[in-house]
Amino acid sequence: MAVIHVPYGVKGTLDLEVPDKNLVLNTDVPFPGEMPNLNDAILAALENPVAGPPFSERLRKANRVVILVDNFARLTPAYKLLPPILEKIKAAGKYVEILIASGALREMSESELERKLGKEILSSGIPIVVSKARETWDFEFVGVTSYGSPISVHKRFLAADFRLAVTMTQATLWGYGGGGSMILPGVSSYETIEWHHRLMTSPTMKVGYEPPLNRFREDIEEAMALARLDMSLLAIFNPKMELIDLTAGDTLAAHRASVKKYNARYAFDPAKIPGGALDVGISGSFPGDRFFAHACWPIANLDPFVRDGGTIIVATPVPGGLAHYAYAKDYMPPTRDAMRRLYDDVFYGKQALWHACLWLPVIEVMARKEVIVVTEPERVPDFEIVKIPAVTSLQEAWERVRDKYGPNVKVGHFPYGKWIVTGRGADGKL
């Protein structure tokens, strides 16, 4: 009998006994711990880029530096990554400010800013600006991508002569995060974000897909080139949010290199599952997944591993509730008629493109697979609203699927499913 340990957000872990014969895939593999001498490692990555000049050379030529940092929707611990960089900039006597790449999401609260940047940076006197996409006067037009997206970027970003992004590489519903995403949607105007998100219906806008097949991501990278994001520092973390790898350099090359390293840790081949796809995939959630809008991602990530007609179980306490996932309620269950209605609503402006993009990939999977959420009793009514079955114990969810699929049910364990990918190449092949 195997015992799997399923991460349960801020509540710790949930343990479940699964017969050895049923547990045919377990992605709970060992990871290295945090890199030693973190400050030295950060500076070493910046001084040894995979492409382009080192950080010190770029800094020497600059007068005004802007550092892009992601917002509450990403787990990047900027308070760990920024201090040695800011020290070097201060020692060089250069002006620096931090620009929060918020895309079209809401402004961060003071407590969220503190969690992201830390008290020391917040009280340092360094200007911290939040990009607010709807304040269109803050943005300047820089050109049009080959996909026809007009790109307007925050003026504070464009005013700098050295532009650095500090973020993390991770799988997202739209490919991989980091790199060019810090420009689009990060510091782009609302109009630009909406134009770009018309590509969200591309069938290759999926977890783990890279350009040129991923047109959505390719548009992002063209926007990044138009805006001239000089350099990126990309971090990879283990599931405990300990820093295990750093890549820096010209953004496109650094992102490609970082994705390759990410896949070496988080990619699994569904073709190697004994006997074919799983009946059941079980995923946990990160402590940072306060909202179901973020905790729901494993539903899309596990899609290639679980057969159509199978079940995906997601264990998450979501103390913050559904957040923007609540808008999916009008299209549940995701029948063909409901999906038609969603696209009509997008066309007529009843649903914003960028907003639907946040949950469309998830409900597309739910049209083919059952989802069961394991959560807290007070959250069960939330899931009733969006028509997702919810239970309050992992054991109950297990008993449901065991009864449904019988004694030979094939189960996969994905502790942090939202970071799992299949390791497809740029051509979409495994």
Protein backbone atom coordinates (compact mmCIF):
# COMPACT_ATOMS: atom_id res chain seq x y z
CA MET A 1 0.00 0.00 0.00
CA ALA A 2 1.41 3.38 -1.03
CA VAL A 3 0.83 6.56 0.95
CA ILE A 4 0.74 9.75 -1.09
CA HIS A 5 1.20 13.16 0.50
CA VAL A 6 -0.97 15.71 -1.25
CA PRO A 7 -0.09 19.40 -0.58
CA TYR A 8 -3.11 21.29 0.69
CA GLY A 9 -2.28 24.97 0.35
CA VAL A 10 -1.84 26.84 3.62
CA LYS A 11 -3.25 23.86 5.54
CA GLY A 12 -0.27 21.53 5.09
CA THR A 13 -0.76 18.11 3.48
CA LEU A 14 -3.43 15.44 3.13
CA ASP A 15 -2.34 11.79 3.20
CA LEU A 16 -4.06 9.05 1.23
CA GLU A 17 -3.45 5.32 1.01
CA VAL A 18 -3.57 3.99 -2.55
CA PRO A 19 -2.92 0.34 -3.42
CA ASP A 20 0.44 -0.12 -5.15
CA LYS A 21 -1.19 -1.70 -8.20
CA ASN A 22 -3.37 1.38 -8.72
CA LEU A 23 -0.66 4.05 -8.35
CA VAL A 24 0.87 3.83 -11.82
CA LEU A 25 2.43 7.33 -11.90
CA ASN A 26 3.89 9.32 -9.03
CA THR A 27 5.53 12.65 -9.87
CA ASP A 28 6.56 13.20 -6.24
CA VAL A 29 10.26 13.10 -7.11
CA PRO A 30 13.20 14.53 -5.12
CA PHE A 31 14.38 18.06 -5.81
CA PRO A 32 17.60 19.83 -4.85
CA GLY A 33 17.46 22.27 -1.96
CA GLU A 34 18.03 26.00 -2.16
CA MET A 35 21.19 27.22 -3.84
CA PRO A 36 23.88 28.17 -1.30
CA ASN A 37 25.20 31.74 -1.11
CA LEU A 38 22.09 33.10 -2.79
CA ASN A 39 23.31 36.67 -3.30
CA ASP A 40 26.50 35.45 -4.94
CA ALA A 41 24.54 33.07 -7.15
CA ILE A 42 22.24 35.88 -8.34
CA LEU A 43 25.16 38.12 -9.26
CA ALA A 44 27.03 35.24 -10.91
CA ALA A 45 24.04 34.54 -13.16
CA LEU A 46 23.81 38.20 -14.14
CA GLU A 47 27.53 38.39 -14.87
CA ASN A 48 27.50 35.17 -16.91
CA PRO A 49 24.49 35.58 -19.21
CA VAL A 50 23.49 32.97 -21.77
CA ALA A 51 23.34 35.77 -24.36
CA GLY A 52 24.24 39.45 -24.47
CA PRO A 53 26.50 41.60 -22.31
CA PRO A 54 26.86 40.99 -18.57
CA PHE A 55 24.84 43.01 -16.07
CA SER A 56 27.80 45.18 -14.99
CA GLU A 57 28.50 46.27 -18.55
CA ARG A 58 24.88 47.19 -19.15
CA LEU A 59 24.74 49.03 -15.84
CA ARG A 60 27.89 51.00 -16.57
CA LYS A 61 26.32 52.44 -19.73
CA ALA A 62 22.99 53.26 -18.07
CA ASN A 63 21.74 56.27 -16.18
CA ARG A 64 18.22 55.15 -15.36
CA VAL A 65 17.31 51.55 -14.47
CA VAL A 66 13.86 50.01 -14.24
CA ILE A 67 13.29 46.58 -12.71
CA LEU A 68 10.10 44.74 -13.63
CA VAL A 69 8.64 42.53 -10.90
CA ASP A 70 5.55 40.34 -11.22
CA ASN A 71 2.44 40.80 -9.06
CA PHE A 72 0.41 38.76 -6.57
CA ALA A 73 -0.64 36.27 -9.26
CA ARG A 74 2.89 34.80 -9.35
CA LEU A 75 4.76 33.26 -6.44
CA THR A 76 8.15 34.86 -7.24
CA PRO A 77 9.78 35.93 -3.94
CA ALA A 78 11.22 39.20 -5.20
CA TYR A 79 12.42 40.00 -1.69
CA LYS A 80 14.98 37.19 -2.13
CA LEU A 81 16.14 38.13 -5.63
CA LEU A 82 16.31 41.93 -5.61
CA PRO A 83 18.63 42.90 -2.71
CA PRO A 84 22.02 42.11 -4.35
CA ILE A 85 20.86 43.70 -7.60
CA LEU A 86 19.73 46.87 -5.87
CA GLU A 87 23.02 47.03 -3.96
CA LYS A 88 25.01 46.93 -7.20
CA ILE A 89 22.85 49.64 -8.75
CA LYS A 90 23.21 51.82 -5.66
CA ALA A 91 26.99 51.32 -5.58
CA ALA A 92 27.16 52.39 -9.24
CA GLY A 93 25.28 55.58 -8.39
CA LYS A 94 22.47 54.90 -10.85
CA TYR A 95 18.81 55.84 -10.49
CA VAL A 96 16.51 52.83 -10.10
CA GLU A 97 12.81 52.23 -9.72
CA ILE A 98 10.67 49.11 -9.47
CA LEU A 99 7.70 48.69 -11.80
CA ILE A 100 5.10 46.08 -10.84
CA ALA A 101 3.95 44.22 -13.95
CA SER A 102 0.26 43.81 -13.10
CA GLY A 103 -1.22 43.32 -16.56
CA ALA A 104 -4.97 43.93 -16.35
CA LEU A 105 -5.27 42.55 -12.82
CA ARG A 106 -6.15 44.67 -9.82
CA GLU A 107 -3.65 46.76 -7.90
CA MET A 108 -1.77 44.98 -5.13
CA SER A 109 -2.65 45.69 -1.51
CA GLU A 110 -0.02 46.87 0.97
CA SER A 111 0.17 43.41 2.53
CA GLU A 112 0.63 41.82 -0.91
CA LEU A 113 3.37 44.29 -1.76
CA GLU A 114 5.09 43.43 1.51
CA ARG A 115 4.86 39.69 0.78
CA LYS A 116 6.32 40.30 -2.67
CA LEU A 117 9.06 42.84 -1.95
CA GLY A 118 9.69 42.62 1.79
CA LYS A 119 9.67 45.41 4.37
CA GLU A 120 13.25 46.47 3.71
CA ILE A 121 12.69 47.26 0.04
CA LEU A 122 9.33 48.91 0.73
CA SER A 123 10.95 51.25 3.24
CA SER A 124 14.13 51.86 1.21
CA GLY A 125 12.88 54.95 -0.59
CA ILE A 126 13.21 53.26 -3.99
CA PRO A 127 10.24 54.38 -6.12
CA ILE A 128 7.75 51.54 -6.59
CA VAL A 129 5.22 52.04 -9.38
CA VAL A 130 2.31 49.74 -10.17
CA SER A 131 1.36 49.43 -13.84
CA LYS A 132 -2.40 50.11 -14.12
CA ALA A 133 -3.48 49.01 -17.57
CA ARG A 134 -6.65 51.10 -17.70
CA GLU A 135 -4.86 54.40 -17.02
CA THR A 136 -4.14 54.74 -20.71
CA TRP A 137 -2.31 58.07 -20.35
CA ASP A 138 0.56 56.17 -18.73
CA PHE A 139 1.32 54.21 -21.91
CA GLU A 140 3.10 54.94 -25.17
CA PHE A 141 2.62 53.26 -28.55
CA VAL A 142 5.71 51.39 -29.81
CA GLY A 143 4.47 49.44 -32.85
CA VAL A 144 2.41 46.53 -34.14
CA THR A 145 3.30 42.82 -34.04
CA SER A 146 3.07 40.54 -37.10
CA TYR A 147 -0.16 39.21 -35.59
CA GLY A 148 -1.65 42.69 -35.73
CA SER A 149 -1.50 43.52 -32.02
CA PRO A 150 -0.87 47.26 -31.45
CA ILE A 151 1.58 47.54 -28.56
CA SER A 152 1.51 50.37 -26.01
CA VAL A 153 3.88 50.08 -23.05
CA HIS A 154 4.21 51.92 -19.73
CA LYS A 155 6.10 55.19 -20.07
CA ARG A 156 8.11 54.58 -16.89
CA PHE A 157 9.50 51.44 -18.50
CA LEU A 158 10.34 53.25 -21.73
CA ALA A 159 12.00 56.13 -19.86
CA ALA A 160 14.76 53.83 -18.57
CA ASP A 161 17.89 53.09 -20.56
CA PHE A 162 18.45 49.74 -18.82
CA ARG A 163 15.36 47.53 -18.47
CA LEU A 164 15.63 44.38 -16.38
CA ALA A 165 12.91 41.83 -15.57
CA VAL A 166 13.21 39.67 -12.45
CA THR A 167 10.74 36.80 -12.36
CA MET A 168 10.32 33.03 -12.40
CA THR A 169 9.91 30.38 -15.07
CA GLN A 170 6.86 28.18 -14.62
CA ALA A 171 4.21 26.41 -16.66
CA THR A 172 1.08 28.48 -17.25
CA LEU A 173 -2.25 27.89 -18.94
CA TRP A 174 -0.83 29.67 -22.00
CA GLY A 175 2.63 28.09 -22.33
CA TYR A 176 5.30 29.27 -19.92
CA GLY A 177 5.47 32.38 -17.76
CA GLY A 178 8.37 34.77 -17.41
CA GLY A 179 10.42 36.62 -20.00
CA GLY A 180 8.26 38.49 -22.49
CA SER A 181 5.15 38.09 -20.32
CA MET A 182 6.57 40.84 -18.16
CA ILE A 183 5.89 43.19 -21.08
CA LEU A 184 2.67 41.69 -22.44
CA PRO A 185 0.46 41.68 -20.47
CA GLY A 186 2.73 42.90 -17.62
CA VAL A 187 3.29 46.58 -18.43
CA SER A 188 1.03 46.97 -21.47
CA SER A 189 -2.11 49.06 -21.79
CA TYR A 190 -5.55 47.51 -21.46
CA GLU A 191 -6.19 48.05 -25.16
CA THR A 192 -2.99 46.18 -26.04
CA ILE A 193 -3.87 43.34 -23.68
CA GLU A 194 -7.30 42.92 -25.26
CA TRP A 195 -5.94 43.00 -28.82
CA HIS A 196 -3.39 40.33 -27.91
CA HIS A 197 -5.87 38.07 -26.16
CA ARG A 198 -7.90 37.53 -29.32
CA LEU A 199 -5.27 34.81 -29.94
CA MET A 200 -6.49 32.95 -26.85
CA THR A 201 -8.67 30.65 -28.96
CA SER A 202 -5.65 29.22 -30.80
CA PRO A 203 -5.63 25.43 -30.25
CA THR A 204 -1.91 25.54 -29.43
CA MET A 205 -2.27 28.13 -26.66
CA LYS A 206 -1.68 25.40 -24.10
CA VAL A 207 0.39 24.41 -21.10
CA GLY A 208 3.97 23.70 -22.14
CA TYR A 209 3.72 24.87 -25.76
CA GLU A 210 6.45 27.17 -27.08
CA PRO A 211 6.74 29.31 -30.25
CA PRO A 212 6.48 29.05 -33.18
CA LEU A 213 3.57 26.65 -32.60
CA ASN A 214 2.24 28.77 -29.73
CA ARG A 215 1.06 31.88 -31.57
CA PHE A 216 -0.12 33.47 -28.35
CA ARG A 217 3.38 33.30 -26.88
CA GLU A 218 4.98 34.38 -30.15
CA ASP A 219 2.91 37.56 -30.10
CA ILE A 220 4.17 38.22 -26.57
CA GLU A 221 7.77 37.84 -27.70
CA GLU A 222 7.29 40.21 -30.62
CA ALA A 223 5.83 42.78 -28.20
CA MET A 224 8.86 42.28 -25.96
CA ALA A 225 11.17 43.02 -28.88
CA LEU A 226 9.23 46.17 -29.81
CA ALA A 227 9.39 47.40 -26.21
CA ARG A 228 13.08 46.45 -25.88
CA LEU A 229 13.28 44.52 -22.66
CA ASP A 230 17.06 44.41 -22.31
CA MET A 231 17.67 41.57 -19.87
CA SER A 232 15.84 39.03 -17.72
CA LEU A 233 16.79 37.13 -14.61
CA LEU A 234 14.69 33.95 -14.48
CA ALA A 235 14.47 31.78 -11.40
CA ILE A 236 13.34 28.17 -11.04
CA PHE A 237 12.06 26.97 -7.68
CA ASN A 238 11.44 23.58 -6.17
CA PRO A 239 7.92 22.89 -4.83
CA LYS A 240 8.97 24.28 -1.44
CA MET A 241 9.71 27.61 -3.18
CA GLU A 242 13.45 27.19 -2.64
CA LEU A 243 15.57 28.67 -5.42
CA ILE A 244 17.30 25.90 -7.38
CA ASP A 245 18.36 27.56 -10.64
CA LEU A 246 19.00 30.95 -12.21
CA THR A 247 19.36 32.02 -15.83
CA ALA A 248 20.07 35.53 -17.09
CA GLY A 249 20.72 37.28 -20.37
CA ASP A 250 18.96 38.70 -23.39
CA THR A 251 15.36 37.86 -22.61
CA LEU A 252 14.43 35.52 -25.46
CA ALA A 253 17.57 33.38 -25.14
CA ALA A 254 17.40 33.39 -21.34
CA HIS A 255 13.75 32.31 -21.35
CA ARG A 256 14.39 29.46 -23.80
CA ALA A 257 17.31 28.26 -21.69
CA SER A 258 15.33 28.52 -18.46
CA VAL A 259 12.36 26.61 -19.94
CA LYS A 260 14.73 23.80 -20.92
CA LYS A 261 15.98 23.60 -17.32
CA TYR A 262 12.42 23.76 -16.01
CA ASN A 263 11.36 20.85 -18.19
CA ALA A 264 14.28 18.78 -16.91
CA ARG A 265 12.63 19.00 -13.45
CA TYR A 266 8.91 19.18 -14.13
CA ALA A 267 8.25 17.37 -17.43
CA PHE A 268 6.81 13.86 -17.55
CA ASP A 269 5.89 11.83 -20.62
CA PRO A 270 2.26 10.62 -20.60
CA ALA A 271 3.15 8.05 -23.26
CA LYS A 272 5.16 6.17 -20.63
CA ILE A 273 2.15 5.55 -18.36
CA PRO A 274 1.72 1.77 -18.23
CA GLY A 275 -1.37 0.76 -20.17
CA GLY A 276 -2.21 4.25 -21.40
CA ALA A 277 -3.77 7.34 -19.87
CA LEU A 278 -4.88 7.54 -16.24
CA ASP A 279 -8.40 7.16 -14.94
CA VAL A 280 -7.66 9.56 -12.09
CA GLY A 281 -5.12 12.33 -11.51
CA ILE A 282 -4.71 13.79 -8.00
CA SER A 283 -3.12 17.20 -7.50
CA GLY A 284 -2.47 19.42 -4.52
CA SER A 285 -1.94 23.16 -4.29
CA PHE A 286 0.66 25.70 -3.14
CA PRO A 287 0.35 27.82 0.00
CA GLY A 288 0.29 30.80 -2.35
CA ASP A 289 -2.82 29.51 -4.13
CA ARG A 290 -5.19 31.61 -2.05
CA PHE A 291 -7.82 31.79 -4.81
CA PHE A 292 -9.33 29.03 -6.94
CA ALA A 293 -8.51 31.19 -9.96
CA HIS A 294 -4.89 30.11 -9.33
CA ALA A 295 -5.46 26.74 -7.68
CA CYS A 296 -7.52 25.48 -10.66
CA TRP A 297 -4.56 25.35 -13.06
CA PRO A 298 -3.75 21.64 -12.46
CA ILE A 299 -6.99 20.81 -14.27
CA ALA A 300 -5.36 21.98 -17.52
CA ASN A 301 -1.90 20.63 -16.70
CA LEU A 302 -3.21 17.13 -15.99
CA ASP A 303 -5.33 17.02 -19.15
CA PRO A 304 -2.72 15.13 -21.24
CA PHE A 305 -2.24 12.54 -18.49
CA VAL A 306 -5.89 11.70 -17.69
CA ARG A 307 -8.12 10.06 -20.28
CA ASP A 308 -11.28 11.73 -21.52
CA GLY A 309 -14.05 10.53 -19.24
CA GLY A 310 -11.58 10.31 -16.35
CA THR A 311 -11.43 12.38 -13.17
CA ILE A 312 -9.07 15.09 -11.91
CA ILE A 313 -9.04 15.68 -8.15
CA VAL A 314 -7.68 19.01 -6.90
CA ALA A 315 -7.07 19.48 -3.17
CA THR A 316 -7.10 23.15 -2.21
CA PRO A 317 -8.49 25.11 0.78
CA VAL A 318 -8.62 28.39 -1.24
CA PRO A 319 -9.07 30.73 1.75
CA GLY A 320 -9.70 33.64 -0.63
CA GLY A 321 -12.53 31.93 -2.50
CA LEU A 322 -13.08 31.69 -6.25
CA ALA A 323 -11.84 35.17 -7.26
CA HIS A 324 -12.23 35.74 -11.02
CA TYR A 325 -13.00 32.07 -11.64
CA ALA A 326 -16.52 32.96 -10.45
CA TYR A 327 -17.24 34.38 -13.92
CA ALA A 328 -17.12 30.84 -15.34
CA LYS A 329 -20.42 30.04 -13.60
CA ASP A 330 -22.46 31.27 -16.56
CA TYR A 331 -20.90 28.67 -18.84
CA MET A 332 -21.13 25.60 -16.63
CA PRO A 333 -21.52 22.84 -17.44
CA PRO A 334 -19.37 23.60 -20.53
CA THR A 335 -21.68 22.12 -23.18
CA ARG A 336 -21.33 23.08 -26.84
CA ASP A 337 -24.15 25.58 -26.39
CA ALA A 338 -22.45 27.09 -23.33
CA MET A 339 -19.16 27.47 -25.20
CA ARG A 340 -20.97 29.11 -28.11
CA ARG A 341 -22.56 31.51 -25.63
CA LEU A 342 -19.14 32.30 -24.13
CA TYR A 343 -17.64 33.18 -27.51
CA ASP A 344 -20.69 35.28 -28.33
CA ASP A 345 -20.34 37.12 -25.01
CA VAL A 346 -16.68 37.80 -25.76
CA PHE A 347 -17.57 39.15 -29.20
CA TYR A 348 -20.23 41.46 -27.83
CA GLY A 349 -18.07 42.67 -24.94
CA LYS A 350 -19.96 40.96 -22.13
CA GLN A 351 -16.78 39.04 -21.23
CA ALA A 352 -13.34 40.62 -21.65
CA LEU A 353 -10.90 38.56 -23.72
CA TRP A 354 -8.13 38.77 -21.13
CA HIS A 355 -10.54 37.73 -18.38
CA ALA A 356 -12.00 34.71 -20.18
CA CYS A 357 -8.45 33.61 -20.96
CA LEU A 358 -7.89 33.01 -17.23
CA TRP A 359 -10.43 30.19 -17.02
CA LEU A 360 -11.35 29.16 -20.57
CA PRO A 361 -8.57 26.50 -20.76
CA VAL A 362 -9.90 24.98 -17.53
CA ILE A 363 -13.56 24.69 -18.52
CA GLU A 364 -12.51 23.29 -21.90
CA VAL A 365 -10.98 20.36 -20.01
CA MET A 366 -14.09 20.00 -17.84
CA ALA A 367 -16.13 19.44 -20.98
CA ARG A 368 -14.27 16.13 -21.34
CA LYS A 369 -13.29 15.15 -17.80
CA GLU A 370 -14.86 15.14 -14.36
CA VAL A 371 -13.33 17.42 -11.71
CA ILE A 372 -13.70 16.96 -7.95
CA VAL A 373 -12.38 19.60 -5.56
CA VAL A 374 -11.32 18.73 -2.01
CA THR A 375 -11.73 21.85 0.10
CA GLU A 376 -12.89 23.35 3.40
CA PRO A 377 -16.55 23.11 4.46
CA GLU A 378 -17.09 26.87 4.17
CA ARG A 379 -15.93 26.81 0.54
CA VAL A 380 -18.30 24.08 -0.65
CA PRO A 381 -21.13 26.58 -1.44
CA ASP A 382 -18.69 28.48 -3.71
CA PHE A 383 -18.18 25.38 -5.82
CA GLU A 384 -21.89 24.76 -5.96
CA ILE A 385 -22.19 28.17 -7.65
CA VAL A 386 -19.74 27.16 -10.42
CA LYS A 387 -21.17 23.61 -10.61
CA ILE A 388 -17.99 21.76 -9.62
CA PRO A 389 -18.45 18.80 -7.24
CA ALA A 390 -16.69 19.54 -3.94
CA VAL A 391 -16.04 17.33 -0.92
CA THR A 392 -14.34 17.98 2.39
CA SER A 393 -12.03 14.99 2.58
CA LEU A 394 -9.54 13.40 0.19
CA GLN A 395 -10.71 9.99 1.36
CA GLU A 396 -14.25 10.76 0.19
CA ALA A 397 -12.99 11.84 -3.23
CA TRP A 398 -10.91 8.65 -3.46
CA GLU A 399 -13.86 6.45 -2.54
CA ARG A 400 -15.97 8.11 -5.23
CA VAL A 401 -13.48 7.44 -8.01
CA ARG A 402 -12.64 3.96 -6.75
CA ASP A 403 -16.32 3.04 -6.85
CA LYS A 404 -16.71 4.66 -10.26
CA TYR A 405 -13.73 2.99 -12.01
CA GLY A 406 -13.48 -0.26 -10.07
CA PRO A 407 -10.60 -2.17 -8.45
CA ASN A 408 -8.20 -1.63 -11.36
CA VAL A 409 -8.49 2.16 -11.39
CA LYS A 410 -5.27 3.76 -12.68
CA VAL A 411 -4.14 6.67 -10.54
CA GLY A 412 -1.47 9.34 -10.92
CA HIS A 413 -0.19 11.58 -8.13
CA PHE A 414 0.85 15.14 -9.05
CA PRO A 415 1.66 16.96 -5.78
CA TYR A 416 1.97 20.35 -7.48
CA GLY A 417 0.08 19.71 -10.69
CA LYS A 418 0.06 23.34 -11.83
CA TRP A 419 3.80 23.09 -12.54
CA ILE A 420 3.71 19.77 -14.40
CA VAL A 421 4.25 19.73 -18.18
CA THR A 422 4.63 17.06 -20.83
CA GLY A 423 7.91 18.46 -22.17
CA ARG A 424 6.70 19.18 -25.70
CA GLY A 425 9.15 20.78 -28.07
CA ALA A 426 8.52 23.85 -30.23
CA ASP A 427 6.78 21.56 -32.75
CA GLY A 428 4.34 20.34 -30.08
CA LYS A 429 5.81 16.83 -30.06
CA LEU A 430 6.96 15.08 -26.90
